[in-house]
C-alpha atoms as a PDB file:
ATOM      1  CA  MET A   1     -11.877   5.483 -27.201  1.00  0.00           C
ATOM      2  CA  GLY A   2     -11.621   3.578 -23.892  1.00  0.00           C
ATOM      3  CA  PRO A   3     -14.527   3.024 -21.501  1.00  0.00           C
ATOM      4  CA  GLN A   4     -13.245   5.742 -19.124  1.00  0.00           C
ATOM      5  CA  SER A   5     -13.250   8.337 -21.921  1.00  0.00           C
ATOM      6  CA  VAL A   6     -17.048   8.488 -21.798  1.00  0.00           C
ATOM      7  CA  TYR A   7     -16.859  10.026 -18.319  1.00  0.00           C
ATOM      8  CA  ARG A   8     -14.178  12.611 -19.034  1.00  0.00           C
ATOM      9  CA  ARG A   9     -14.968  16.293 -19.431  1.00  0.00           C
ATOM     10  CA  GLN A  10     -18.410  15.868 -17.843  1.00  0.00           C
ATOM     11  CA  GLY A  11     -17.694  17.913 -14.709  1.00  0.00           C
ATOM     12  CA  TYR A  12     -17.806  14.986 -12.298  1.00  0.00           C
ATOM     13  CA  ALA A  13     -14.409  15.670 -10.708  1.00  0.00           C
ATOM     14  CA  ARG A  14     -15.208  19.368 -10.282  1.00  0.00           C
ATOM     15  CA  ALA A  15     -18.578  18.496  -8.714  1.00  0.00           C
ATOM     16  CA  MET A  16     -16.910  16.069  -6.295  1.00  0.00           C
ATOM     17  CA  LEU A  17     -14.249  18.626  -5.379  1.00  0.00           C
ATOM     18  CA  THR A  18     -16.932  21.267  -4.802  1.00  0.00           C
ATOM     19  CA  ALA A  19     -18.813  18.878  -2.492  1.00  0.00           C
ATOM     20  CA  LEU A  20     -15.609  17.987  -0.645  1.00  0.00           C
ATOM     21  CA  VAL A  21     -14.662  21.627  -0.045  1.00  0.00           C
ATOM     22  CA  HIS A  22     -18.213  22.459   1.124  1.00  0.00           C
ATOM     23  CA  ARG A  23     -18.153  19.456   3.453  1.00  0.00           C
ATOM     24  CA  ALA A  24     -14.754  20.458   4.835  1.00  0.00           C
ATOM     25  CA  THR A  25     -16.034  23.984   5.449  1.00  0.00           C
ATOM     26  CA  ALA A  26     -18.863  22.563   7.555  1.00  0.00           C
ATOM     27  CA  GLU A  27     -16.392  20.734   9.833  1.00  0.00           C
ATOM     28  CA  ALA A  28     -15.014  23.143  12.448  1.00  0.00           C
ATOM     29  CA  ARG A  29     -11.915  21.039  13.049  1.00  0.00           C
ATOM     30  CA  VAL A  30     -10.913  21.028   9.362  1.00  0.00           C
ATOM     31  CA  LYS A  31      -8.731  24.016   8.573  1.00  0.00           C
ATOM     32  CA  THR A  32      -7.162  23.030   5.250  1.00  0.00           C
ATOM     33  CA  VAL A  33      -7.940  20.896   2.211  1.00  0.00           C
ATOM     34  CA  ARG A  34      -4.856  19.372   0.597  1.00  0.00           C
ATOM     35  CA  VAL A  35      -4.538  17.716  -2.789  1.00  0.00           C
ATOM     36  CA  THR A  36      -1.527  16.081  -4.392  1.00  0.00           C
ATOM     37  CA  ILE A  37      -1.268  15.932  -8.167  1.00  0.00           C
ATOM     38  CA  SER A  38       1.355  14.698 -10.606  1.00  0.00           C
ATOM     39  CA  PRO A  39       2.886  17.716 -12.383  1.00  0.00           C
ATOM     40  CA  ASP A  40       1.940  16.278 -15.788  1.00  0.00           C
ATOM     41  CA  ASN A  41      -1.711  15.589 -14.859  1.00  0.00           C
ATOM     42  CA  THR A  42      -3.139  18.601 -16.663  1.00  0.00           C
ATOM     43  CA  ALA A  43      -6.742  17.464 -16.211  1.00  0.00           C
ATOM     44  CA  SER A  44      -6.458  17.392 -12.407  1.00  0.00           C
ATOM     45  CA  LEU A  45      -4.514  20.648 -12.350  1.00  0.00           C
ATOM     46  CA  ALA A  46      -7.309  22.241 -14.383  1.00  0.00           C
ATOM     47  CA  THR A  47      -9.926  20.756 -12.035  1.00  0.00           C
ATOM     48  CA  ILE A  48      -8.483  22.510  -8.969  1.00  0.00           C
ATOM     49  CA  SER A  49      -8.083  25.852 -10.729  1.00  0.00           C
ATOM     50  CA  GLY A  50     -10.596  28.375  -9.482  1.00  0.00           C
ATOM     51  CA  PHE A  51     -10.802  26.791  -6.021  1.00  0.00           C
ATOM     52  CA  GLY A  52      -8.029  28.910  -4.511  1.00  0.00           C
ATOM     53  CA  PHE A  53      -5.513  26.096  -4.105  1.00  0.00           C
ATOM     54  CA  VAL A  54      -1.916  27.243  -3.691  1.00  0.00           C
ATOM     55  CA  GLU A  55       1.108  25.071  -4.414  1.00  0.00           C
ATOM     56  CA  VAL A  56       2.947  24.566  -1.111  1.00  0.00           C
ATOM     57  CA  GLY A  57       5.527  21.942  -1.997  1.00  0.00           C
ATOM     58  CA  GLU A  58       6.114  18.558  -3.505  1.00  0.00           C
ATOM     59  CA  GLN A  59       6.523  14.971  -2.370  1.00  0.00           C
ATOM     60  CA  TRP A  60       7.634  11.648  -3.734  1.00  0.00           C
ATOM     61  CA  ASP A  61       4.999   8.925  -3.769  1.00  0.00           C
ATOM     62  CA  GLU A  62       6.301   5.364  -4.115  1.00  0.00           C
ATOM     63  CA  GLU A  63       3.444   4.440  -6.444  1.00  0.00           C
ATOM     64  CA  ASP A  64       2.818   7.670  -8.374  1.00  0.00           C
ATOM     65  CA  GLY A  65       6.235   9.371  -8.353  1.00  0.00           C
ATOM     66  CA  LEU A  66       6.568  13.127  -8.034  1.00  0.00           C
ATOM     67  CA  GLU A  67       3.458  14.927  -6.788  1.00  0.00           C
ATOM     68  CA  LEU A  68       2.830  18.614  -6.285  1.00  0.00           C
ATOM     69  CA  ILE A  69       1.090  19.544  -3.029  1.00  0.00           C
ATOM     70  CA  PHE A  70      -1.679  22.144  -3.101  1.00  0.00           C
ATOM     71  CA  GLU A  71      -3.672  23.523  -0.156  1.00  0.00           C
ATOM     72  CA  VAL A  72      -6.599  25.824   0.368  1.00  0.00           C
ATOM     73  CA  PRO A  73      -7.834  27.095   3.761  1.00  0.00           C
ATOM     74  CA  VAL A  74     -11.477  26.376   4.536  1.00  0.00           C
END
């Protein structure tokens, strides 16, 4: 088990995403929150589930390869 494994499945990413969406909601000029996730990153895909994100497309990232684009209005 690697050192990062200790922090997995503790709810940290979901808590950060919750805080980010709440913060975005408080900013009048922010209309949309966008996330990009590799299609095989099941942990991140699970993290955004329940937040209302909708897949709106895909993009190619030079470093990470194919990424799916998700958005949710705030």
